[in-house]
Amino acid sequence: MHVKIRNSNSKKAKKTGYRTRQKTAGGRKVNRRQRARHGSF
């Protein structure tokens, strides 16, 4: 199957969901900041 995305772009394409952010220490920090600013979301 041919993927219609150039490799350099696919490297930068990141998943940005809540669960994805929870998986890293930095992402948990982001989620905590979001929650502090906007309440639970």
PDB file of N, CA and C in Angstrom:
ATOM      1  N   MET A   1       0.837  -1.186   0.000  1.00  0.00           N
ATOM      2  CA  MET A   1       0.000   0.000   0.000  1.00  0.00           C
ATOM      3  C   MET A   1       0.880   1.248   0.000  1.00  0.00           C
ATOM      4  N   HIS A   2       0.550   2.181  -0.875  1.00  0.00           N
ATOM      5  CA  HIS A   2       1.350   3.393  -0.967  1.00  0.00           C
ATOM      6  C   HIS A   2       0.794   4.465  -0.029  1.00  0.00           C
ATOM      7  N   VAL A   3       1.648   5.003   0.832  1.00  0.00           N
ATOM      8  CA  VAL A   3       1.224   6.055   1.744  1.00  0.00           C
ATOM      9  C   VAL A   3       1.470   7.405   1.083  1.00  0.00           C
ATOM     10  N   LYS A   4       0.446   8.224   1.013  1.00  0.00           N
ATOM     11  CA  LYS A   4       0.558   9.493   0.299  1.00  0.00           C
ATOM     12  C   LYS A   4       1.067  10.623   1.193  1.00  0.00           C
ATOM     13  N   ILE A   5       2.104  10.361   1.961  1.00  0.00           N
ATOM     14  CA  ILE A   5       2.644  11.414   2.806  1.00  0.00           C
ATOM     15  C   ILE A   5       4.158  11.327   2.743  1.00  0.00           C
ATOM     16  N   ARG A   6       4.816  12.453   2.556  1.00  0.00           N
ATOM     17  CA  ARG A   6       6.267  12.418   2.485  1.00  0.00           C
ATOM     18  C   ARG A   6       6.844  12.150   3.859  1.00  0.00           C
ATOM     19  N   ASN A   7       7.970  11.459   3.868  1.00  0.00           N
ATOM     20  CA  ASN A   7       8.532  10.974   5.126  1.00  0.00           C
ATOM     21  C   ASN A   7       8.784  12.090   6.137  1.00  0.00           C
ATOM     22  N   SER A   8       9.333  13.226   5.691  1.00  0.00           N
ATOM     23  CA  SER A   8       9.636  14.306   6.619  1.00  0.00           C
ATOM     24  C   SER A   8       8.357  14.822   7.280  1.00  0.00           C
ATOM     25  N   ASN A   9       7.244  14.815   6.517  1.00  0.00           N
ATOM     26  CA  ASN A   9       5.979  15.249   7.098  1.00  0.00           C
ATOM     27  C   ASN A   9       5.448  14.241   8.101  1.00  0.00           C
ATOM     28  N   SER A  10       5.605  12.963   7.782  1.00  0.00           N
ATOM     29  CA  SER A  10       5.071  11.940   8.676  1.00  0.00           C
ATOM     30  C   SER A  10       5.819  11.920  10.008  1.00  0.00           C
ATOM     31  N   LYS A  11       7.084  12.343   9.972  1.00  0.00           N
ATOM     32  CA  LYS A  11       7.854  12.417  11.212  1.00  0.00           C
ATOM     33  C   LYS A  11       7.282  13.489  12.134  1.00  0.00           C
ATOM     34  N   LYS A  12       6.856  14.600  11.511  1.00  0.00           N
ATOM     35  CA  LYS A  12       6.342  15.695  12.328  1.00  0.00           C
ATOM     36  C   LYS A  12       4.893  15.479  12.739  1.00  0.00           C
ATOM     37  N   ALA A  13       4.163  14.606  12.027  1.00  0.00           N
ATOM     38  CA  ALA A  13       2.750  14.393  12.327  1.00  0.00           C
ATOM     39  C   ALA A  13       2.629  13.684  13.657  1.00  0.00           C
ATOM     40  N   LYS A  14       2.081  14.382  14.646  1.00  0.00           N
ATOM     41  CA  LYS A  14       1.984  13.803  15.973  1.00  0.00           C
ATOM     42  C   LYS A  14       0.525  13.669  16.370  1.00  0.00           C
ATOM     43  N   LYS A  15       0.249  12.636  17.145  1.00  0.00           N
ATOM     44  CA  LYS A  15      -1.095  12.505  17.690  1.00  0.00           C
ATOM     45  C   LYS A  15      -1.218  13.462  18.861  1.00  0.00           C
ATOM     46  N   THR A  16      -2.342  14.140  18.967  1.00  0.00           N
ATOM     47  CA  THR A  16      -2.462  15.178  19.989  1.00  0.00           C
ATOM     48  C   THR A  16      -3.649  14.960  20.915  1.00  0.00           C
ATOM     49  N   GLY A  17      -4.127  13.727  21.021  1.00  0.00           N
ATOM     50  CA  GLY A  17      -5.270  13.453  21.896  1.00  0.00           C
ATOM     51  C   GLY A  17      -4.893  13.476  23.366  1.00  0.00           C
ATOM     52  N   TYR A  18      -5.907  13.483  24.208  1.00  0.00           N
ATOM     53  CA  TYR A  18      -5.700  13.476  25.654  1.00  0.00           C
ATOM     54  C   TYR A  18      -4.918  12.241  26.087  1.00  0.00           C
ATOM     55  N   ARG A  19      -5.335  11.065  25.592  1.00  0.00           N
ATOM     56  CA  ARG A  19      -4.685   9.810  25.987  1.00  0.00           C
ATOM     57  C   ARG A  19      -3.237   9.780  25.527  1.00  0.00           C
ATOM     58  N   THR A  20      -2.978  10.321  24.357  1.00  0.00           N
ATOM     59  CA  THR A  20      -1.610  10.351  23.841  1.00  0.00           C
ATOM     60  C   THR A  20      -0.736  11.197  24.749  1.00  0.00           C
ATOM     61  N   ARG A  21      -1.261  12.342  25.191  1.00  0.00           N
ATOM     62  CA  ARG A  21      -0.482  13.211  26.068  1.00  0.00           C
ATOM     63  C   ARG A  21      -0.245  12.565  27.427  1.00  0.00           C
ATOM     64  N   GLN A  22      -1.197  11.767  27.901  1.00  0.00           N
ATOM     65  CA  GLN A  22      -1.036  11.123  29.200  1.00  0.00           C
ATOM     66  C   GLN A  22       0.143  10.158  29.217  1.00  0.00           C
ATOM     67  N   LYS A  23       0.578   9.689  28.060  1.00  0.00           N
ATOM     68  CA  LYS A  23       1.598   8.648  28.010  1.00  0.00           C
ATOM     69  C   LYS A  23       3.010   9.146  28.315  1.00  0.00           C
ATOM     70  N   THR A  24       3.242  10.452  28.234  1.00  0.00           N
ATOM     71  CA  THR A  24       4.583  10.970  28.525  1.00  0.00           C
ATOM     72  C   THR A  24       4.527  11.915  29.716  1.00  0.00           C
ATOM     73  N   ALA A  25       5.658  12.067  30.380  1.00  0.00           N
ATOM     74  CA  ALA A  25       5.734  12.952  31.543  1.00  0.00           C
ATOM     75  C   ALA A  25       5.398  14.386  31.146  1.00  0.00           C
ATOM     76  N   GLY A  26       5.945  14.833  29.997  1.00  0.00           N
ATOM     77  CA  GLY A  26       5.672  16.194  29.532  1.00  0.00           C
ATOM     78  C   GLY A  26       4.208  16.388  29.204  1.00  0.00           C
ATOM     79  N   GLY A  27       3.598  15.353  28.626  1.00  0.00           N
ATOM     80  CA  GLY A  27       2.185  15.437  28.257  1.00  0.00           C
ATOM     81  C   GLY A  27       1.272  15.510  29.467  1.00  0.00           C
ATOM     82  N   ARG A  28       1.650  14.779  30.519  1.00  0.00           N
ATOM     83  CA  ARG A  28       0.848  14.850  31.742  1.00  0.00           C
ATOM     84  C   ARG A  28       0.903  16.244  32.336  1.00  0.00           C
ATOM     85  N   LYS A  29       2.057  16.880  32.200  1.00  0.00           N
ATOM     86  CA  LYS A  29       2.211  18.247  32.674  1.00  0.00           C
ATOM     87  C   LYS A  29       1.277  19.181  31.896  1.00  0.00           C
ATOM     88  N   VAL A  30       1.195  18.967  30.571  1.00  0.00           N
ATOM     89  CA  VAL A  30       0.306  19.763  29.719  1.00  0.00           C
ATOM     90  C   VAL A  30      -1.138  19.583  30.152  1.00  0.00           C
ATOM     91  N   ASN A  31      -1.547  18.324  30.362  1.00  0.00           N
ATOM     92  CA  ASN A  31      -2.928  18.037  30.757  1.00  0.00           C
ATOM     93  C   ASN A  31      -3.265  18.661  32.105  1.00  0.00           C
ATOM     94  N   ARG A  32      -2.296  18.632  33.009  1.00  0.00           N
ATOM     95  CA  ARG A  32      -2.519  19.234  34.325  1.00  0.00           C
ATOM     96  C   ARG A  32      -2.717  20.739  34.195  1.00  0.00           C
ATOM     97  N   ARG A  33      -1.916  21.356  33.304  1.00  0.00           N
ATOM     98  CA  ARG A  33      -2.038  22.789  33.070  1.00  0.00           C
ATOM     99  C   ARG A  33      -3.392  23.129  32.470  1.00  0.00           C
ATOM    100  N   GLN A  34      -3.836  22.306  31.512  1.00  0.00           N
ATOM    101  CA  GLN A  34      -5.154  22.508  30.893  1.00  0.00           C
ATOM    102  C   GLN A  34      -6.254  22.434  31.943  1.00  0.00           C
ATOM    103  N   ARG A  35      -6.141  21.426  32.820  1.00  0.00           N
ATOM    104  CA  ARG A  35      -7.174  21.222  33.820  1.00  0.00           C
ATOM    105  C   ARG A  35      -7.212  22.385  34.809  1.00  0.00           C
ATOM    106  N   ALA A  36      -6.019  22.904  35.150  1.00  0.00           N
ATOM    107  CA  ALA A  36      -5.948  24.026  36.072  1.00  0.00           C
ATOM    108  C   ALA A  36      -6.602  25.268  35.467  1.00  0.00           C
ATOM    109  N   ARG A  37      -6.411  25.464  34.183  1.00  0.00           N
ATOM    110  CA  ARG A  37      -6.947  26.653  33.534  1.00  0.00           C
ATOM    111  C   ARG A  37      -8.434  26.571  33.273  1.00  0.00           C
ATOM    112  N   HIS A  38      -8.903  25.393  32.864  1.00  0.00           N
ATOM    113  CA  HIS A  38     -10.273  25.299  32.362  1.00  0.00           C
ATOM    114  C   HIS A  38     -11.172  24.379  33.179  1.00  0.00           C
ATOM    115  N   GLY A  39     -10.678  23.921  34.322  1.00  0.00           N
ATOM    116  CA  GLY A  39     -11.447  22.899  35.029  1.00  0.00           C
ATOM    117  C   GLY A  39     -11.277  21.573  34.312  1.00  0.00           C
ATOM    118  N   SER A  40     -11.985  20.537  34.738  1.00  0.00           N
ATOM    119  CA  SER A  40     -11.841  19.248  34.050  1.00  0.00           C
ATOM    120  C   SER A  40     -12.412  19.364  32.650  1.00  0.00           C
ATOM    121  N   PHE A  41     -11.869  18.572  31.735  1.00  0.00           N
ATOM    122  CA  PHE A  41     -12.292  18.697  30.333  1.00  0.00           C
ATOM    123  C   PHE A  41     -12.396  17.344  29.684  1.00  0.00           C
TER     124      PHE A  41
END
